[in-house]
Structures are given as structure tokens and as C-alpha cells.
Protein backbone atom coordinates (compact mmCIF):
# COMPACT_ATOMS: atom_id res chain seq x y z
CA UNK A 1 113.05 -68.53 60.17
CA UNK A 2 115.55 -66.18 60.27
CA UNK A 3 115.97 -64.54 63.77
CA UNK A 4 116.32 -60.97 62.69
CA UNK A 5 113.38 -58.81 62.75
CA UNK A 6 110.70 -58.52 60.08
CA UNK A 7 111.94 -55.94 56.58
CA UNK A 8 108.56 -54.39 57.57
CA UNK A 9 106.05 -55.16 60.60
CA UNK A 10 103.02 -53.16 61.55
CA UNK A 11 100.17 -54.19 63.68
CA UNK A 12 96.77 -52.98 64.48
CA UNK A 13 96.17 -49.75 61.56
CA UNK A 14 93.59 -48.04 61.87
CA UNK A 15 92.63 -44.74 59.78
CA UNK A 16 90.13 -43.16 59.32
CA UNK A 17 89.24 -39.91 56.68
CA UNK A 18 87.08 -37.25 57.81
CA UNK A 19 85.53 -39.11 61.19
CA UNK A 20 82.98 -41.57 58.84
CA UNK A 21 85.52 -43.53 55.74
CA UNK A 22 87.41 -46.50 57.62
CA UNK A 23 90.61 -46.70 55.11
CA UNK A 24 92.16 -49.28 57.69
CA UNK A 25 90.13 -51.68 59.91
CA UNK A 26 93.18 -53.19 62.20
CA UNK A 27 95.05 -54.60 59.26
CA UNK A 28 98.23 -56.96 60.59
CA UNK A 29 100.88 -57.15 58.35
CA UNK A 30 104.72 -59.01 58.47
CA UNK A 31 106.99 -58.97 55.87
CA UNK A 32 110.13 -60.79 56.40
CA UNK A 33 113.19 -60.06 55.47
CA UNK A 34 114.54 -60.64 51.06
CA UNK A 35 111.10 -61.76 50.60
CA UNK A 36 108.50 -61.11 48.11
CA UNK A 37 105.16 -59.91 49.67
CA UNK A 38 101.85 -59.18 47.48
CA UNK A 39 98.64 -57.01 48.96
CA UNK A 40 95.62 -58.31 47.25
CA UNK A 41 92.54 -56.62 46.93
CA UNK A 42 90.05 -54.46 44.96
CA UNK A 43 91.03 -50.23 44.37
CA UNK A 44 89.62 -49.12 47.67
CA UNK A 45 90.49 -52.18 49.85
CA UNK A 46 93.28 -50.14 51.37
CA UNK A 47 96.33 -51.49 50.18
CA UNK A 48 97.74 -47.80 48.94
CA UNK A 49 96.66 -46.06 52.78
CA UNK A 50 98.81 -48.75 54.10
CA UNK A 51 102.30 -48.17 51.87
CA UNK A 52 101.38 -44.74 53.06
CA UNK A 53 101.22 -44.78 56.36
CA UNK A 54 104.54 -47.44 56.15
CA UNK A 55 106.62 -45.36 54.13
CA UNK A 56 105.91 -42.10 56.47
CA UNK A 57 103.27 -40.36 54.07
CA UNK A 58 100.78 -40.84 56.20
CA UNK A 59 99.95 -41.55 60.05
CA UNK A 60 97.93 -43.85 61.21
CA UNK A 61 94.72 -43.34 63.79
CA UNK A 62 96.21 -46.53 66.05
CA UNK A 63 98.47 -48.79 65.21
CA UNK A 64 102.38 -49.22 65.00
CA UNK A 65 104.48 -50.32 62.73
CA UNK A 66 108.50 -50.32 61.80
CA UNK A 67 110.24 -50.40 58.59
CA UNK A 68 113.58 -51.96 58.22
CA UNK A 69 113.91 -51.98 61.93
CA UNK A 70 113.17 -48.35 62.28
CA UNK A 71 109.65 -46.88 63.89
CA UNK A 72 107.82 -45.01 61.14
CA UNK A 73 106.30 -42.91 63.67
CA UNK A 74 109.05 -42.18 65.96
CA UNK A 75 112.21 -42.34 62.73
CA UNK A 76 110.78 -41.23 59.61
CA UNK A 77 113.78 -40.11 58.27
CA UNK A 78 115.28 -43.07 59.05
CA UNK A 79 112.66 -44.75 57.41
CA UNK A 80 112.60 -42.61 54.17
CA UNK A 81 116.40 -43.93 53.87
CA UNK A 82 115.93 -46.89 53.92
CA UNK A 83 113.21 -47.30 51.57
CA UNK A 84 112.14 -47.24 47.56
CA UNK A 85 108.97 -46.44 46.71
CA UNK A 86 107.63 -46.32 43.14
CA UNK A 87 103.86 -44.78 43.74
CA UNK A 88 100.84 -45.84 41.20
CA UNK A 89 101.08 -42.12 39.85
CA UNK A 90 105.36 -41.43 38.32
CA UNK A 91 106.84 -39.34 40.11
CA UNK A 92 109.28 -38.88 36.96
CA UNK A 93 109.40 -34.83 36.24
CA UNK A 94 108.20 -35.00 32.17
CA UNK A 95 109.97 -32.24 31.40
CA UNK A 96 113.88 -33.87 32.13
CA UNK A 97 115.41 -36.56 30.34
CA UNK A 98 115.67 -40.18 32.09
CA UNK A 99 119.04 -39.53 32.93
CA UNK A 100 118.72 -36.02 34.69
CA UNK A 101 115.67 -37.69 36.46
CA UNK A 102 117.92 -40.02 38.23
CA UNK A 103 121.34 -38.45 38.61
CA UNK A 104 118.71 -35.75 41.10
CA UNK A 105 117.51 -38.53 42.60
CA UNK A 106 120.91 -39.63 43.30
CA UNK A 107 122.09 -36.17 44.50
CA UNK A 108 118.78 -36.07 46.84
CA UNK A 109 120.19 -39.67 48.51
CA UNK A 110 123.58 -38.01 49.11
CA UNK A 111 125.37 -39.55 45.78
CA UNK A 112 127.89 -37.62 43.76
CA UNK A 113 130.93 -37.35 41.57
CA UNK A 114 131.14 -41.00 39.33
CA UNK A 115 129.54 -42.67 42.01
CA UNK A 116 125.85 -41.13 40.64
CA UNK A 117 127.32 -41.21 37.16
CA UNK A 118 127.84 -44.59 37.51
CA UNK A 119 124.74 -46.08 39.12
CA UNK A 120 122.79 -44.14 37.09
CA UNK A 121 124.68 -45.91 34.09
CA UNK A 122 123.73 -49.07 35.57
CA UNK A 123 119.97 -48.31 35.86
CA UNK A 124 119.39 -46.77 32.63
CA UNK A 125 120.98 -50.61 31.21
CA UNK A 126 119.38 -52.43 33.52
CA UNK A 127 115.79 -51.41 32.70
CA UNK A 128 117.02 -50.42 28.45
CA UNK A 129 116.81 -46.85 28.70
CA UNK A 130 119.77 -46.17 27.82
CA UNK A 131 118.74 -45.42 24.22
CA UNK A 132 116.12 -42.78 25.97
CA UNK A 133 118.53 -41.12 28.83
CA UNK A 134 118.52 -37.86 26.53
CA UNK A 135 114.79 -37.38 26.12
CA UNK A 136 112.09 -36.04 27.97
CA UNK A 137 110.47 -38.39 29.66
CA UNK A 138 107.40 -36.99 28.37
CA UNK A 139 108.15 -38.44 25.39
CA UNK A 140 108.45 -41.85 26.88
CA UNK A 141 105.43 -44.79 26.52
CA UNK A 142 103.76 -46.15 29.64
CA UNK A 143 105.85 -49.03 29.74
CA UNK A 144 109.22 -46.55 29.91
CA UNK A 145 107.55 -44.54 32.42
CA UNK A 146 107.10 -47.33 35.26
CA UNK A 147 111.23 -48.45 34.40
CA UNK A 148 111.65 -45.39 35.18
CA UNK A 149 109.68 -44.92 38.09
CA UNK A 150 111.22 -48.33 39.26
CA UNK A 151 114.63 -47.28 38.61
CA UNK A 152 114.03 -44.13 40.71
CA UNK A 153 113.40 -46.13 43.51
CA UNK A 154 116.32 -48.11 42.87
CA UNK A 155 118.79 -45.38 43.47
CA UNK A 156 119.89 -45.31 46.54
CA UNK A 157 120.07 -49.42 46.84
CA UNK A 158 117.08 -49.48 49.27
CA UNK A 159 116.54 -52.18 51.94
CA UNK A 160 112.90 -52.30 51.35
CA UNK A 161 111.34 -51.85 47.82
CA UNK A 162 107.10 -50.45 47.91
CA UNK A 163 105.41 -51.04 44.39
CA UNK A 164 102.23 -49.32 45.07
CA UNK A 165 99.72 -50.78 41.58
CA UNK A 166 103.15 -51.00 39.89
CA UNK A 167 102.10 -52.19 36.14
CA UNK A 168 98.05 -50.05 36.41
CA UNK A 169 97.33 -48.78 32.91
CA UNK A 170 99.90 -50.67 31.13
CA UNK A 171 99.00 -52.43 28.05
CA UNK A 172 99.79 -56.35 28.86
CA UNK A 173 103.28 -56.55 26.27
CA UNK A 174 104.65 -54.17 28.98
CA UNK A 175 102.94 -55.26 31.86
CA UNK A 176 104.05 -58.83 31.43
CA UNK A 177 108.04 -57.46 31.02
CA UNK A 178 107.36 -54.93 33.92
CA UNK A 179 107.33 -58.99 36.00
CA UNK A 180 109.86 -60.17 34.62
CA UNK A 181 111.63 -57.34 35.85
CA UNK A 182 110.36 -57.53 39.39
CA UNK A 183 111.26 -61.29 38.99
CA UNK A 184 114.87 -60.22 38.59
CA UNK A 185 114.77 -58.03 41.38
CA UNK A 186 113.24 -60.33 43.78
CA UNK A 187 116.43 -62.34 43.48
CA UNK A 188 118.66 -59.98 44.15
CA UNK A 189 119.96 -60.33 47.77
CA UNK A 190 118.46 -58.93 50.83
CA UNK A 191 115.83 -56.95 48.76
CA UNK A 192 112.78 -57.05 50.30
CA UNK A 193 109.51 -56.24 48.15
CA UNK A 194 106.65 -55.06 49.04
CA UNK A 195 104.05 -54.86 45.92
CA UNK A 196 100.37 -54.08 46.01
CA UNK A 197 98.41 -54.79 43.40
CA UNK A 198 94.20 -55.24 42.31
CA UNK A 199 95.30 -57.66 39.66
CA UNK A 200 95.20 -61.96 40.82
CA UNK A 201 97.03 -62.98 38.50
CA UNK A 202 100.38 -60.47 39.16
CA UNK A 203 100.20 -61.60 42.83
CA UNK A 204 99.66 -65.14 41.62
CA UNK A 205 102.69 -64.86 40.34
CA UNK A 206 105.21 -62.64 41.38
CA UNK A 207 104.54 -63.32 45.31
CA UNK A 208 105.70 -65.63 47.71
CA UNK A 209 103.31 -64.67 50.53
CA UNK A 210 100.20 -62.67 49.84
CA UNK A 211 97.44 -61.07 52.14
CA UNK A 212 93.83 -60.66 51.48
CA UNK A 213 92.90 -57.31 51.87
CA UNK A 214 88.65 -56.83 52.26
CA UNK A 215 87.08 -53.74 53.47
CA UNK A 216 90.64 -52.14 55.35
CA UNK A 217 91.51 -55.34 57.18
CA UNK A 218 93.53 -58.49 56.24
CA UNK A 219 90.73 -61.39 55.40
CA UNK A 220 93.62 -64.14 55.08
CA UNK A 221 97.29 -64.72 54.63
CA UNK A 222 99.48 -67.44 53.29
CA UNK A 223 101.26 -68.59 49.96
CA UNK A 224 99.37 -68.39 46.99
CA UNK A 225 99.70 -72.11 46.35
CA UNK A 226 98.76 -72.86 50.31
CA UNK A 227 95.86 -70.63 49.77
CA UNK A 228 94.20 -71.89 46.81
CA UNK A 229 95.21 -75.88 48.14
CA UNK A 230 92.73 -75.30 51.34
CA UNK A 231 90.06 -75.39 48.86
CA UNK A 232 89.15 -79.14 48.39
CA UNK A 233 88.68 -79.73 44.99
CA UNK A 234 87.43 -77.69 41.73
CA UNK A 235 85.08 -74.55 41.61
CA UNK A 236 82.42 -75.20 39.08
CA UNK A 237 80.52 -71.97 38.30
CA UNK A 238 76.90 -71.49 37.16
CA UNK A 239 75.12 -69.08 35.66
CA UNK A 240 71.32 -69.10 36.15
CA UNK A 241 69.16 -67.56 33.62
CA UNK A 242 67.12 -65.59 36.41
CA UNK A 243 68.05 -64.82 40.25
CA UNK A 244 66.42 -66.35 42.43
CA UNK A 245 64.36 -64.72 45.25
CA UNK A 246 65.69 -64.68 48.80
CA UNK A 247 62.92 -68.15 49.09
CA UNK A 248 64.73 -69.87 46.22
CA UNK A 249 67.92 -68.96 47.16
CA UNK A 250 67.47 -70.91 49.75
CA UNK A 251 65.72 -73.89 47.68
CA UNK A 252 68.35 -73.56 45.84
CA UNK A 253 71.36 -74.13 47.89
CA UNK A 254 69.97 -77.11 49.71
CA UNK A 255 69.35 -78.99 46.57
CA UNK A 256 73.35 -78.58 45.62
CA UNK A 257 74.69 -78.96 49.09
CA UNK A 258 72.70 -82.60 48.98
CA UNK A 259 74.83 -83.44 45.96
CA UNK A 260 77.94 -86.31 46.93
CA UNK A 261 80.86 -84.26 47.27
CA UNK A 262 79.45 -81.26 46.78
CA UNK A 263 81.37 -79.13 50.35
CA UNK A 264 81.18 -75.32 49.66
CA UNK A 265 77.84 -72.78 47.98
CA UNK A 266 77.50 -69.55 47.73
CA UNK A 267 74.45 -68.14 46.01
CA UNK A 268 74.76 -64.13 44.32
CA UNK A 269 72.31 -63.05 42.10
CA UNK A 270 72.00 -65.02 39.02
CA UNK A 271 75.78 -66.46 39.86
CA UNK A 272 76.04 -69.09 42.05
CA UNK A 273 79.98 -71.08 42.72
CA UNK A 274 80.27 -74.42 44.22
CA UNK A 275 83.29 -76.17 45.98
CA UNK A 276 83.29 -80.46 44.74
CA UNK A 277 85.71 -83.17 44.68
CA UNK A 278 85.32 -83.20 41.24
CA UNK A 279 84.07 -80.50 39.27
CA UNK A 280 83.09 -82.25 35.84
CA UNK A 281 81.78 -85.05 37.69
CA UNK A 282 79.59 -83.01 39.64
CA UNK A 283 78.15 -81.59 37.00
CA UNK A 284 75.22 -83.61 35.64
CA UNK A 285 74.38 -84.11 38.97
CA UNK A 286 74.17 -80.60 40.02
CA UNK A 287 72.21 -79.49 36.74
CA UNK A 288 69.49 -82.21 37.49
CA UNK A 289 69.36 -80.95 41.28
CA UNK A 290 68.61 -77.59 39.63
CA UNK A 291 66.26 -78.88 37.27
CA UNK A 292 64.39 -80.02 39.88
CA UNK A 293 64.12 -77.46 42.13
CA UNK A 294 62.48 -75.44 39.22
CA UNK A 295 65.70 -73.52 38.53
CA UNK A 296 67.25 -72.58 35.05
CA UNK A 297 70.99 -72.58 34.39
CA UNK A 298 72.37 -70.69 31.23
CA UNK A 299 76.18 -71.88 31.29
CA UNK A 300 78.43 -74.17 33.90
CA UNK A 301 81.86 -73.83 33.75
CA UNK A 302 84.71 -76.10 36.06
CA UNK A 303 88.10 -74.58 36.89
CA UNK A 304 90.91 -75.23 38.95
CA UNK A 305 90.90 -72.85 42.17
CA UNK A 306 92.51 -69.36 41.90
CA UNK A 307 93.39 -66.56 44.12
CA UNK A 308 89.44 -65.42 43.02
CA UNK A 309 87.84 -68.34 44.56
CA UNK A 310 90.45 -67.55 47.87
CA UNK A 311 88.72 -63.92 47.59
CA UNK A 312 85.73 -65.40 47.11
CA UNK A 313 85.75 -67.72 49.86
CA UNK A 314 87.95 -65.62 52.63
CA UNK A 315 85.41 -61.80 51.81
CA UNK A 316 81.81 -63.74 51.38
CA UNK A 317 81.93 -61.96 47.67
CA UNK A 318 83.37 -61.93 44.19
CA UNK A 319 86.38 -60.47 43.29
CA UNK A 320 84.27 -58.03 40.39
CA UNK A 321 81.11 -57.70 42.56
CA UNK A 322 84.00 -55.57 44.86
CA UNK A 323 85.40 -54.27 42.09
CA UNK A 324 82.81 -52.90 40.71
CA UNK A 325 81.21 -51.96 44.13
CA UNK A 326 84.47 -49.15 44.04
CA UNK A 327 83.87 -48.01 40.54
CA UNK A 328 80.02 -47.61 41.25
CA UNK A 329 81.68 -45.35 44.55
């Protein structure tokens, strides 16, 4: 492991709004230089607040953070010169052309003359925007705008690039293209990328390490493969015809845990998730156990461990349920 300081190091970040809403509840994040790190969690988990603090756009109530070796509170100007930021909303001027946006961004960082024009041409070509360079950004598609946003964040060749929900709102084709581009960026020597996302597949595909965030705290961290590998066997998901009461839930949980090869059982409303050594072989025994307990099953599915299962294990609820809760709020 390198002896150099991490590209990003945050310790015990706490942030509340209005004295009532806790956005961050002691988050720790360490990102090694030249790596892609994913903050994975549902909307409202605290990912964007973390990015705002790390990019000097917000101050924590307590805790410390350094980015590219600079303290975000003591030396915010140094941090800003060392980072590129692609926020959730587009930062481009919709009336200006793509080329004009890139030129302005370059000038803000001290580029000028031939060096500026060369960098603008390079980024337009890289992000396949050359043909649209003289068109106002308001006429760009969603995918084109997002590519321009990433180009804007790279104009000054930053040490650390923050991508905050970079593919939200994109159609599947544009999202896949953006994933490919982020993958290419990750291969560039020395560039560190911190990616926030609520897409499980995105984190699994792009991040070398992920921190799963829930309710303003990191509940588990590691490589996607290692986190999934900790979950022994297969995931068996059962959909019940009726949601049992508390006594019924206790009964069915006990019945399922008695099945040989079963390690974990989590019952929540109509749905039950079971971890088993061999999911396919366990299904008949699981169904028989539920039948003896008087519980009727509508569907049963078996799958290899996923980041959804990781979230379920460490956060104690399903990823989709957490998303739904935020939406309800």
C-alpha cells in the first residue's frame, strides 16, 4: 500500500439541518489515490451532503476532512483547485454553446490562449461533442449535457473528480455510455474518482471499493466482490400471500431457521429473505416448513448474492424499501 496520504480522508462528519434533521451521523470515508470509490445508498442517505462538505460547499457541524492533502475547512481554495465536480444538476450555461462553456471553465482556472483551445478541442473530441460544439447547450440531449458536465469537471486536470449521481435521469443507453466513459477515466494515471450513486449496478460495475451509506452513516465498506462474498450461499426471496402479524412472523422465522443449510432469515411484511448454502435445493424444504406453519407462499426466487443483499444484511431493510421511505417523506 502507498505511504502517500489518501486522496480523501473524512473522519466522524456530522451535519444537521435546522437542529432537527440529521444528514450525517459520524461518517468516515478514506479513498486511496488513483482509485474509484463509490458511496452507495438510497436517496436521502447522506451521500450528497458528504460531497458538499468534501467540495467545500458546506461545513460540517463537527469532524474533519482532507482532499488532495488539503484541509477542507482551513484551505478551501486549495481544495477547489485540486478537484473537479460534476453535481447532480447540470452546471452548464444552457444559452452558451458547448465550446463557450468549456472556454469559460478553463479561464476560471487560469487557462488561456493556445493551451486553452487545445484542451477544449481535446475534451470535445473525447466526449463526442465536436459536432455539437457550436450549438447552444439547451438543445443538447440529456446524455450530451451529462458528457459536457464531466468535460467541464476535467478542464483543469484535477487530482480528484467528484461525480454526484452522474447518471440520474439518463435513459439506459445514455447511462451505459456514461459508465463506459467513467471506466476509461478510471484508467487514467493518478485520477481519483469519488462516485455517489443509488444505482446498485452502477456501484458494482464502476467502484473498486464501496461504502454503503444508510441514515447518514457508513454501515459497511469493502470491494463489491468481497462484500457479496461474505454472504454465504444463495439468496432465497419468498413473497407471501398475506403479511403475518408479529406472532406469525416469529413462528415462520423459527420454522425457516430450522431448515438445514439456512443461515439468515429476515421477514418484512409480505416478503421473506433467506440465506442458504444451496438455494435451489433448499426451496422445497423452505416451502414445506412454511406450509406446516400455515403460511402460504405466492412466489419463490433464488439468486446469487448482490449488493442489494449486502444492504439488506447491514442496514436491516431492503434497498427498495429505503428508497420508498425517502420518496414518501
